[in-house]
Amino acid sequence: MTPDTTITRITALPPELDTLEVLAASEGFNFMARLLAEWRSGANRFDKPGECLLGAFEERRMIGIGGLTIDPYLPAADAGRLRRLYVAPSARRRGIGGALVDALLRHASGRFRLVRLTTDTQAGADFYLRCGFSQVDDDSATHAKPLTWTAPGTMYR
């Protein structure tokens, strides 16, 4: 990351997100189109307790995105789900994805005891292992990361 790179919470869809969606689609990823469709329909705006959508920007240009929701596949509401993480190809291998994951996990630490995700590529699996996730054998997740207490009565870490 450069000093000009910022990660900020998204509460309204920036117009650059359409460009990221086109890039993702050209790589065969349709989850960005789902993000846009769900946001526009109101089905998912990453606005329930503990949820957030973060964007990575470089010189005010959006270069990445990632979200955190309550995991809909677990009955308890104390598990989060990493969703829709994408970094533009031109911005990869510079720590942007890792910074997004770190920021999402910091946000999750105030609410969730566990964060899970699903990826369907080997590159994604390798990336999440480097981010401290473990591979899991579960029908609704490929990777998980438990969050541990830092001290009684405080946030998760």
N, C-alpha and C. Protein backbone atom coordinates (compact mmCIF):
# COMPACT_ATOMS: atom_id res chain seq x y z
N MET A 1 0.84 -1.18 0.00
CA MET A 1 0.00 0.00 0.00
C MET A 1 0.88 1.24 0.00
N THR A 2 0.35 2.28 -0.58
CA THR A 2 1.06 3.54 -0.59
C THR A 2 0.44 4.47 0.45
N PRO A 3 1.14 5.54 0.78
CA PRO A 3 0.55 6.51 1.72
C PRO A 3 -0.75 7.12 1.20
N ASP A 4 -0.96 7.07 -0.11
CA ASP A 4 -2.18 7.62 -0.70
C ASP A 4 -3.35 6.64 -0.66
N THR A 5 -3.13 5.43 -0.15
CA THR A 5 -4.18 4.42 -0.10
C THR A 5 -4.96 4.57 1.20
N THR A 6 -6.28 4.61 1.07
CA THR A 6 -7.14 4.70 2.25
C THR A 6 -8.20 3.61 2.17
N ILE A 7 -8.62 3.17 3.33
CA ILE A 7 -9.72 2.22 3.42
C ILE A 7 -10.81 2.90 4.23
N THR A 8 -11.98 3.03 3.63
CA THR A 8 -13.07 3.73 4.29
C THR A 8 -14.38 2.95 4.16
N ARG A 9 -15.26 3.22 5.08
CA ARG A 9 -16.57 2.59 5.07
C ARG A 9 -17.42 3.18 3.94
N ILE A 10 -18.16 2.30 3.27
CA ILE A 10 -19.02 2.72 2.17
C ILE A 10 -20.46 2.66 2.66
N THR A 11 -21.15 3.80 2.55
CA THR A 11 -22.56 3.85 2.91
C THR A 11 -23.44 4.20 1.71
N ALA A 12 -22.81 4.56 0.62
CA ALA A 12 -23.50 4.80 -0.66
C ALA A 12 -22.57 4.27 -1.74
N LEU A 13 -23.14 3.63 -2.75
CA LEU A 13 -22.30 3.03 -3.78
C LEU A 13 -21.58 4.09 -4.60
N PRO A 14 -20.24 4.03 -4.61
CA PRO A 14 -19.49 4.97 -5.45
C PRO A 14 -19.60 4.56 -6.92
N PRO A 15 -19.59 5.53 -7.83
CA PRO A 15 -19.72 5.19 -9.26
C PRO A 15 -18.61 4.28 -9.76
N GLU A 16 -17.43 4.32 -9.13
CA GLU A 16 -16.31 3.47 -9.57
C GLU A 16 -16.58 1.99 -9.35
N LEU A 17 -17.58 1.68 -8.56
CA LEU A 17 -17.88 0.27 -8.31
C LEU A 17 -18.31 -0.43 -9.58
N ASP A 18 -18.92 0.29 -10.49
CA ASP A 18 -19.29 -0.30 -11.78
C ASP A 18 -18.05 -0.76 -12.54
N THR A 19 -16.97 0.01 -12.45
CA THR A 19 -15.72 -0.37 -13.11
C THR A 19 -15.15 -1.63 -12.48
N LEU A 20 -15.18 -1.73 -11.15
CA LEU A 20 -14.70 -2.94 -10.48
C LEU A 20 -15.55 -4.14 -10.89
N GLU A 21 -16.85 -3.93 -11.05
CA GLU A 21 -17.73 -5.03 -11.45
C GLU A 21 -17.36 -5.53 -12.84
N VAL A 22 -17.06 -4.63 -13.77
CA VAL A 22 -16.66 -5.02 -15.12
C VAL A 22 -15.35 -5.80 -15.08
N LEU A 23 -14.39 -5.32 -14.28
CA LEU A 23 -13.11 -6.02 -14.15
C LEU A 23 -13.32 -7.43 -13.57
N ALA A 24 -14.14 -7.52 -12.52
CA ALA A 24 -14.39 -8.82 -11.90
C ALA A 24 -15.06 -9.76 -12.89
N ALA A 25 -16.05 -9.26 -13.63
CA ALA A 25 -16.75 -10.10 -14.61
C ALA A 25 -15.80 -10.59 -15.69
N SER A 26 -14.83 -9.75 -16.08
CA SER A 26 -13.88 -10.16 -17.12
C SER A 26 -12.99 -11.29 -16.63
N GLU A 27 -12.89 -11.45 -15.30
CA GLU A 27 -12.11 -12.55 -14.72
C GLU A 27 -12.99 -13.75 -14.38
N GLY A 28 -14.28 -13.64 -14.68
CA GLY A 28 -15.19 -14.75 -14.42
C GLY A 28 -15.84 -14.71 -13.05
N PHE A 29 -15.70 -13.61 -12.32
CA PHE A 29 -16.30 -13.48 -10.99
C PHE A 29 -17.62 -12.74 -11.10
N ASN A 30 -18.71 -13.37 -10.62
CA ASN A 30 -20.00 -12.72 -10.69
C ASN A 30 -20.47 -12.15 -9.36
N PHE A 31 -19.64 -12.26 -8.32
CA PHE A 31 -20.07 -11.79 -7.01
C PHE A 31 -20.17 -10.27 -6.92
N MET A 32 -19.45 -9.55 -7.77
CA MET A 32 -19.58 -8.09 -7.76
C MET A 32 -20.93 -7.68 -8.34
N ALA A 33 -21.40 -8.38 -9.36
CA ALA A 33 -22.73 -8.10 -9.91
C ALA A 33 -23.79 -8.37 -8.84
N ARG A 34 -23.60 -9.43 -8.04
CA ARG A 34 -24.54 -9.72 -6.95
C ARG A 34 -24.50 -8.62 -5.90
N LEU A 35 -23.31 -8.13 -5.57
CA LEU A 35 -23.21 -7.04 -4.61
C LEU A 35 -24.03 -5.85 -5.07
N LEU A 36 -23.84 -5.45 -6.33
CA LEU A 36 -24.58 -4.30 -6.87
C LEU A 36 -26.08 -4.55 -6.89
N ALA A 37 -26.50 -5.73 -7.34
CA ALA A 37 -27.92 -6.04 -7.43
C ALA A 37 -28.56 -6.07 -6.03
N GLU A 38 -27.89 -6.69 -5.08
CA GLU A 38 -28.44 -6.77 -3.72
C GLU A 38 -28.50 -5.40 -3.06
N TRP A 39 -27.49 -4.57 -3.29
CA TRP A 39 -27.50 -3.22 -2.72
C TRP A 39 -28.65 -2.42 -3.31
N ARG A 40 -28.76 -2.45 -4.63
CA ARG A 40 -29.78 -1.65 -5.30
C ARG A 40 -31.19 -2.11 -4.94
N SER A 41 -31.38 -3.41 -4.70
CA SER A 41 -32.71 -3.91 -4.33
C SER A 41 -32.99 -3.73 -2.84
N GLY A 42 -31.95 -3.45 -2.06
CA GLY A 42 -32.09 -3.34 -0.62
C GLY A 42 -31.94 -4.66 0.11
N ALA A 43 -31.67 -5.75 -0.63
CA ALA A 43 -31.54 -7.07 -0.01
C ALA A 43 -30.33 -7.15 0.92
N ASN A 44 -29.25 -6.44 0.60
CA ASN A 44 -28.06 -6.42 1.45
C ASN A 44 -27.35 -5.09 1.28
N ARG A 45 -27.34 -4.32 2.35
CA ARG A 45 -26.63 -3.04 2.35
C ARG A 45 -25.54 -3.02 3.41
N PHE A 46 -25.22 -4.19 3.96
CA PHE A 46 -24.16 -4.30 4.96
C PHE A 46 -24.41 -3.35 6.13
N ASP A 47 -25.65 -3.27 6.58
CA ASP A 47 -26.00 -2.28 7.59
C ASP A 47 -26.67 -2.86 8.84
N LYS A 48 -26.62 -4.18 8.99
CA LYS A 48 -27.13 -4.78 10.22
C LYS A 48 -26.04 -4.66 11.30
N PRO A 49 -26.39 -4.87 12.57
CA PRO A 49 -25.38 -4.74 13.63
C PRO A 49 -24.14 -5.59 13.34
N GLY A 50 -22.99 -4.96 13.37
CA GLY A 50 -21.71 -5.62 13.13
C GLY A 50 -21.28 -5.68 11.68
N GLU A 51 -22.18 -5.34 10.76
CA GLU A 51 -21.85 -5.43 9.33
C GLU A 51 -21.20 -4.14 8.82
N CYS A 52 -20.47 -4.28 7.73
CA CYS A 52 -19.90 -3.10 7.07
C CYS A 52 -19.44 -3.46 5.67
N LEU A 53 -19.32 -2.43 4.84
CA LEU A 53 -18.75 -2.55 3.50
C LEU A 53 -17.64 -1.53 3.43
N LEU A 54 -16.44 -1.99 3.09
CA LEU A 54 -15.27 -1.11 3.04
C LEU A 54 -14.74 -1.01 1.62
N GLY A 55 -14.25 0.16 1.28
CA GLY A 55 -13.63 0.37 -0.01
C GLY A 55 -12.19 0.80 0.17
N ALA A 56 -11.34 0.33 -0.73
CA ALA A 56 -9.94 0.77 -0.77
C ALA A 56 -9.81 1.78 -1.90
N PHE A 57 -9.23 2.91 -1.59
CA PHE A 57 -9.10 4.00 -2.56
C PHE A 57 -7.65 4.44 -2.63
N GLU A 58 -7.22 4.74 -3.83
CA GLU A 58 -5.88 5.26 -4.05
C GLU A 58 -6.03 6.52 -4.87
N GLU A 59 -5.60 7.62 -4.28
CA GLU A 59 -5.77 8.93 -4.93
C GLU A 59 -7.22 9.11 -5.37
N ARG A 60 -8.15 8.76 -4.48
CA ARG A 60 -9.60 8.88 -4.67
C ARG A 60 -10.18 7.95 -5.73
N ARG A 61 -9.40 7.02 -6.23
CA ARG A 61 -9.88 6.03 -7.20
C ARG A 61 -10.08 4.72 -6.47
N MET A 62 -11.26 4.12 -6.64
CA MET A 62 -11.56 2.87 -5.95
C MET A 62 -10.79 1.73 -6.59
N ILE A 63 -10.05 0.99 -5.74
CA ILE A 63 -9.24 -0.11 -6.26
C ILE A 63 -9.58 -1.45 -5.60
N GLY A 64 -10.46 -1.41 -4.60
CA GLY A 64 -10.83 -2.65 -3.94
C GLY A 64 -12.05 -2.47 -3.06
N ILE A 65 -12.62 -3.61 -2.67
CA ILE A 65 -13.83 -3.59 -1.85
C ILE A 65 -13.90 -4.89 -1.07
N GLY A 66 -14.57 -4.85 0.05
CA GLY A 66 -14.82 -6.06 0.83
C GLY A 66 -15.89 -5.79 1.87
N GLY A 67 -16.67 -6.81 2.17
CA GLY A 67 -17.76 -6.64 3.12
C GLY A 67 -17.78 -7.69 4.20
N LEU A 68 -18.52 -7.38 5.24
CA LEU A 68 -18.71 -8.27 6.38
C LEU A 68 -20.19 -8.26 6.72
N THR A 69 -20.78 -9.46 6.80
CA THR A 69 -22.18 -9.58 7.20
C THR A 69 -22.29 -10.59 8.32
N ILE A 70 -23.46 -10.64 8.92
CA ILE A 70 -23.77 -11.74 9.83
C ILE A 70 -23.82 -13.00 8.97
N ASP A 71 -23.21 -14.08 9.44
CA ASP A 71 -23.18 -15.31 8.66
C ASP A 71 -24.58 -15.93 8.64
N PRO A 72 -25.22 -15.97 7.47
CA PRO A 72 -26.59 -16.48 7.41
C PRO A 72 -26.69 -18.00 7.54
N TYR A 73 -25.56 -18.69 7.52
CA TYR A 73 -25.57 -20.14 7.56
C TYR A 73 -25.44 -20.71 8.96
N LEU A 74 -25.23 -19.86 9.95
CA LEU A 74 -25.11 -20.33 11.33
C LEU A 74 -26.26 -19.75 12.16
N PRO A 75 -26.81 -20.55 13.08
CA PRO A 75 -27.97 -20.07 13.83
C PRO A 75 -27.65 -18.94 14.81
N ALA A 76 -26.47 -18.94 15.38
CA ALA A 76 -26.11 -17.87 16.32
C ALA A 76 -25.68 -16.63 15.54
N ALA A 77 -25.97 -15.47 16.09
CA ALA A 77 -25.63 -14.22 15.40
C ALA A 77 -24.23 -13.73 15.76
N ASP A 78 -23.40 -14.61 16.33
CA ASP A 78 -22.06 -14.17 16.73
C ASP A 78 -20.98 -14.62 15.74
N ALA A 79 -21.39 -14.96 14.54
CA ALA A 79 -20.44 -15.31 13.48
C ALA A 79 -20.63 -14.36 12.32
N GLY A 80 -19.52 -13.86 11.81
CA GLY A 80 -19.55 -12.97 10.65
C GLY A 80 -19.13 -13.72 9.40
N ARG A 81 -19.42 -13.11 8.28
CA ARG A 81 -19.06 -13.72 6.99
C ARG A 81 -18.39 -12.66 6.14
N LEU A 82 -17.17 -12.94 5.70
CA LEU A 82 -16.45 -12.07 4.77
C LEU A 82 -17.05 -12.27 3.40
N ARG A 83 -17.39 -11.17 2.72
CA ARG A 83 -18.06 -11.26 1.42
C ARG A 83 -17.52 -10.23 0.45
N ARG A 84 -17.59 -10.62 -0.82
CA ARG A 84 -17.39 -9.68 -1.93
C ARG A 84 -16.04 -8.98 -1.91
N LEU A 85 -15.00 -9.69 -1.46
CA LEU A 85 -13.66 -9.09 -1.46
C LEU A 85 -13.10 -9.14 -2.88
N TYR A 86 -12.72 -7.98 -3.36
CA TYR A 86 -12.17 -7.89 -4.71
C TYR A 86 -11.19 -6.72 -4.78
N VAL A 87 -10.05 -6.97 -5.42
CA VAL A 87 -9.05 -5.92 -5.67
C VAL A 87 -8.78 -5.89 -7.16
N ALA A 88 -8.77 -4.69 -7.74
CA ALA A 88 -8.50 -4.54 -9.16
C ALA A 88 -7.16 -5.18 -9.51
N PRO A 89 -7.08 -5.86 -10.64
CA PRO A 89 -5.82 -6.52 -11.02
C PRO A 89 -4.60 -5.60 -10.97
N SER A 90 -4.77 -4.35 -11.37
CA SER A 90 -3.63 -3.41 -11.39
C SER A 90 -3.15 -3.05 -9.98
N ALA A 91 -3.96 -3.34 -8.95
CA ALA A 91 -3.60 -2.99 -7.58
C ALA A 91 -3.21 -4.20 -6.74
N ARG A 92 -3.15 -5.36 -7.34
CA ARG A 92 -2.81 -6.57 -6.60
C ARG A 92 -1.32 -6.66 -6.29
N ARG A 93 -1.04 -7.50 -5.30
CA ARG A 93 0.34 -7.77 -4.85
C ARG A 93 0.98 -6.53 -4.21
N ARG A 94 0.11 -5.65 -3.67
CA ARG A 94 0.61 -4.46 -3.00
C ARG A 94 0.06 -4.34 -1.58
N GLY A 95 -0.60 -5.42 -1.11
CA GLY A 95 -1.10 -5.42 0.25
C GLY A 95 -2.51 -4.86 0.43
N ILE A 96 -3.17 -4.53 -0.66
CA ILE A 96 -4.51 -3.94 -0.57
C ILE A 96 -5.51 -4.96 -0.02
N GLY A 97 -5.50 -6.18 -0.58
CA GLY A 97 -6.42 -7.22 -0.12
C GLY A 97 -6.21 -7.54 1.35
N GLY A 98 -4.95 -7.69 1.75
CA GLY A 98 -4.65 -7.97 3.15
C GLY A 98 -5.09 -6.84 4.06
N ALA A 99 -4.91 -5.61 3.61
CA ALA A 99 -5.34 -4.45 4.41
C ALA A 99 -6.86 -4.43 4.55
N LEU A 100 -7.57 -4.78 3.47
CA LEU A 100 -9.03 -4.85 3.56
C LEU A 100 -9.46 -5.93 4.55
N VAL A 101 -8.85 -7.11 4.46
CA VAL A 101 -9.19 -8.19 5.38
C VAL A 101 -8.88 -7.77 6.81
N ASP A 102 -7.72 -7.17 7.05
CA ASP A 102 -7.38 -6.70 8.40
C ASP A 102 -8.41 -5.72 8.93
N ALA A 103 -8.82 -4.77 8.10
CA ALA A 103 -9.81 -3.78 8.53
C ALA A 103 -11.15 -4.44 8.81
N LEU A 104 -11.54 -5.40 7.99
CA LEU A 104 -12.80 -6.11 8.21
C LEU A 104 -12.75 -6.93 9.50
N LEU A 105 -11.61 -7.57 9.77
CA LEU A 105 -11.48 -8.35 11.00
C LEU A 105 -11.47 -7.45 12.23
N ARG A 106 -10.84 -6.28 12.12
CA ARG A 106 -10.88 -5.34 13.25
C ARG A 106 -12.32 -4.92 13.52
N HIS A 107 -13.06 -4.65 12.46
CA HIS A 107 -14.46 -4.28 12.63
C HIS A 107 -15.24 -5.46 13.24
N ALA A 108 -14.97 -6.66 12.78
CA ALA A 108 -15.66 -7.86 13.27
C ALA A 108 -15.39 -8.10 14.75
N SER A 109 -14.21 -7.69 15.21
CA SER A 109 -13.81 -7.99 16.58
C SER A 109 -14.74 -7.38 17.62
N GLY A 110 -15.48 -6.36 17.26
CA GLY A 110 -16.40 -5.77 18.21
C GLY A 110 -17.73 -6.49 18.30
N ARG A 111 -17.94 -7.50 17.46
CA ARG A 111 -19.26 -8.13 17.40
C ARG A 111 -19.23 -9.66 17.30
N PHE A 112 -18.28 -10.20 16.55
CA PHE A 112 -18.32 -11.62 16.21
C PHE A 112 -17.21 -12.41 16.91
N ARG A 113 -17.48 -13.71 17.15
CA ARG A 113 -16.47 -14.60 17.72
C ARG A 113 -15.76 -15.41 16.65
N LEU A 114 -16.34 -15.41 15.44
CA LEU A 114 -15.83 -16.21 14.34
C LEU A 114 -16.17 -15.50 13.03
N VAL A 115 -15.24 -15.56 12.07
CA VAL A 115 -15.50 -15.03 10.73
C VAL A 115 -15.25 -16.16 9.74
N ARG A 116 -16.22 -16.37 8.84
CA ARG A 116 -16.12 -17.44 7.84
C ARG A 116 -16.25 -16.84 6.45
N LEU A 117 -15.91 -17.66 5.45
CA LEU A 117 -16.02 -17.22 4.06
C LEU A 117 -16.02 -18.43 3.15
N THR A 118 -16.35 -18.17 1.90
CA THR A 118 -16.26 -19.19 0.87
C THR A 118 -15.49 -18.62 -0.30
N THR A 119 -14.53 -19.38 -0.79
CA THR A 119 -13.83 -19.02 -2.02
C THR A 119 -13.81 -20.24 -2.91
N ASP A 120 -13.81 -19.99 -4.22
CA ASP A 120 -13.82 -21.12 -5.15
C ASP A 120 -12.58 -21.15 -6.05
N THR A 121 -11.55 -20.41 -5.65
CA THR A 121 -10.31 -20.45 -6.42
C THR A 121 -9.14 -20.82 -5.51
N GLN A 122 -8.12 -21.43 -6.08
CA GLN A 122 -6.93 -21.78 -5.30
C GLN A 122 -6.19 -20.52 -4.87
N ALA A 123 -6.14 -19.52 -5.74
CA ALA A 123 -5.48 -18.25 -5.37
C ALA A 123 -6.18 -17.62 -4.17
N GLY A 124 -7.52 -17.65 -4.17
CA GLY A 124 -8.26 -17.12 -3.03
C GLY A 124 -7.99 -17.92 -1.77
N ALA A 125 -7.98 -19.24 -1.88
CA ALA A 125 -7.71 -20.09 -0.73
C ALA A 125 -6.33 -19.81 -0.15
N ASP A 126 -5.33 -19.69 -1.02
CA ASP A 126 -3.97 -19.38 -0.57
C ASP A 126 -3.91 -18.02 0.11
N PHE A 127 -4.60 -17.04 -0.45
CA PHE A 127 -4.63 -15.69 0.11
C PHE A 127 -5.21 -15.71 1.53
N TYR A 128 -6.35 -16.38 1.70
CA TYR A 128 -6.99 -16.39 3.02
C TYR A 128 -6.17 -17.17 4.04
N LEU A 129 -5.45 -18.20 3.62
CA LEU A 129 -4.53 -18.89 4.53
C LEU A 129 -3.44 -17.92 4.99
N ARG A 130 -2.90 -17.11 4.08
CA ARG A 130 -1.90 -16.11 4.45
C ARG A 130 -2.47 -15.07 5.41
N CYS A 131 -3.78 -14.83 5.33
CA CYS A 131 -4.44 -13.85 6.22
C CYS A 131 -4.81 -14.45 7.57
N GLY A 132 -4.44 -15.71 7.81
CA GLY A 132 -4.67 -16.33 9.11
C GLY A 132 -5.93 -17.16 9.22
N PHE A 133 -6.63 -17.36 8.13
CA PHE A 133 -7.80 -18.23 8.13
C PHE A 133 -7.34 -19.67 8.02
N SER A 134 -8.17 -20.58 8.49
CA SER A 134 -7.92 -22.01 8.34
C SER A 134 -8.94 -22.57 7.38
N GLN A 135 -8.52 -23.58 6.63
CA GLN A 135 -9.45 -24.26 5.75
C GLN A 135 -10.38 -25.12 6.61
N VAL A 136 -11.68 -25.11 6.27
CA VAL A 136 -12.65 -25.91 7.03
C VAL A 136 -13.41 -26.82 6.08
N ASP A 137 -13.87 -27.92 6.63
CA ASP A 137 -14.68 -28.87 5.86
C ASP A 137 -16.14 -28.65 6.24
N ASP A 138 -16.80 -27.76 5.50
CA ASP A 138 -18.16 -27.35 5.82
C ASP A 138 -18.89 -27.06 4.52
N ASP A 139 -20.14 -27.42 4.45
CA ASP A 139 -20.90 -27.17 3.23
C ASP A 139 -21.14 -25.69 2.96
N SER A 140 -21.05 -24.85 4.00
CA SER A 140 -21.35 -23.44 3.82
C SER A 140 -20.16 -22.52 3.98
N ALA A 141 -18.95 -23.07 4.08
CA ALA A 141 -17.75 -22.24 4.19
C ALA A 141 -16.52 -23.05 3.80
N THR A 142 -15.53 -22.36 3.24
CA THR A 142 -14.26 -23.02 2.94
C THR A 142 -13.17 -22.64 3.93
N HIS A 143 -13.34 -21.47 4.58
CA HIS A 143 -12.32 -20.98 5.51
C HIS A 143 -13.00 -20.30 6.71
N ALA A 144 -12.29 -20.32 7.85
CA ALA A 144 -12.80 -19.68 9.05
C ALA A 144 -11.64 -19.15 9.88
N LYS A 145 -11.95 -18.15 10.67
CA LYS A 145 -10.95 -17.59 11.58
C LYS A 145 -11.65 -17.25 12.89
N PRO A 146 -11.31 -17.97 13.96
CA PRO A 146 -11.89 -17.61 15.26
C PRO A 146 -11.27 -16.30 15.76
N LEU A 147 -12.07 -15.53 16.41
CA LEU A 147 -11.60 -14.29 17.03
C LEU A 147 -11.58 -14.54 18.53
N THR A 148 -10.48 -14.21 19.19
CA THR A 148 -10.35 -14.51 20.61
C THR A 148 -10.45 -13.23 21.42
N TRP A 149 -10.87 -13.41 22.67
CA TRP A 149 -10.98 -12.27 23.57
C TRP A 149 -9.60 -11.71 23.87
N THR A 150 -9.49 -10.38 23.93
CA THR A 150 -8.22 -9.77 24.34
C THR A 150 -8.17 -9.62 25.85
N ALA A 151 -9.32 -9.41 26.48
CA ALA A 151 -9.42 -9.32 27.93
C ALA A 151 -10.90 -9.43 28.28
N PRO A 152 -11.23 -9.94 29.46
CA PRO A 152 -12.64 -10.06 29.83
C PRO A 152 -13.35 -8.71 29.71
N GLY A 153 -14.53 -8.76 29.09
CA GLY A 153 -15.35 -7.56 28.99
C GLY A 153 -14.94 -6.61 27.88
N THR A 154 -13.92 -6.95 27.10
CA THR A 154 -13.52 -6.07 26.00
C THR A 154 -13.80 -6.75 24.67
N MET A 155 -13.24 -6.19 23.63
CA MET A 155 -13.54 -6.69 22.29
C MET A 155 -12.75 -7.94 21.96
N TYR A 156 -13.23 -8.61 20.93
CA TYR A 156 -12.49 -9.74 20.37
C TYR A 156 -11.24 -9.22 19.67
N ARG A 157 -10.33 -10.14 19.38
CA ARG A 157 -9.12 -9.77 18.62
C ARG A 157 -9.00 -10.70 17.45
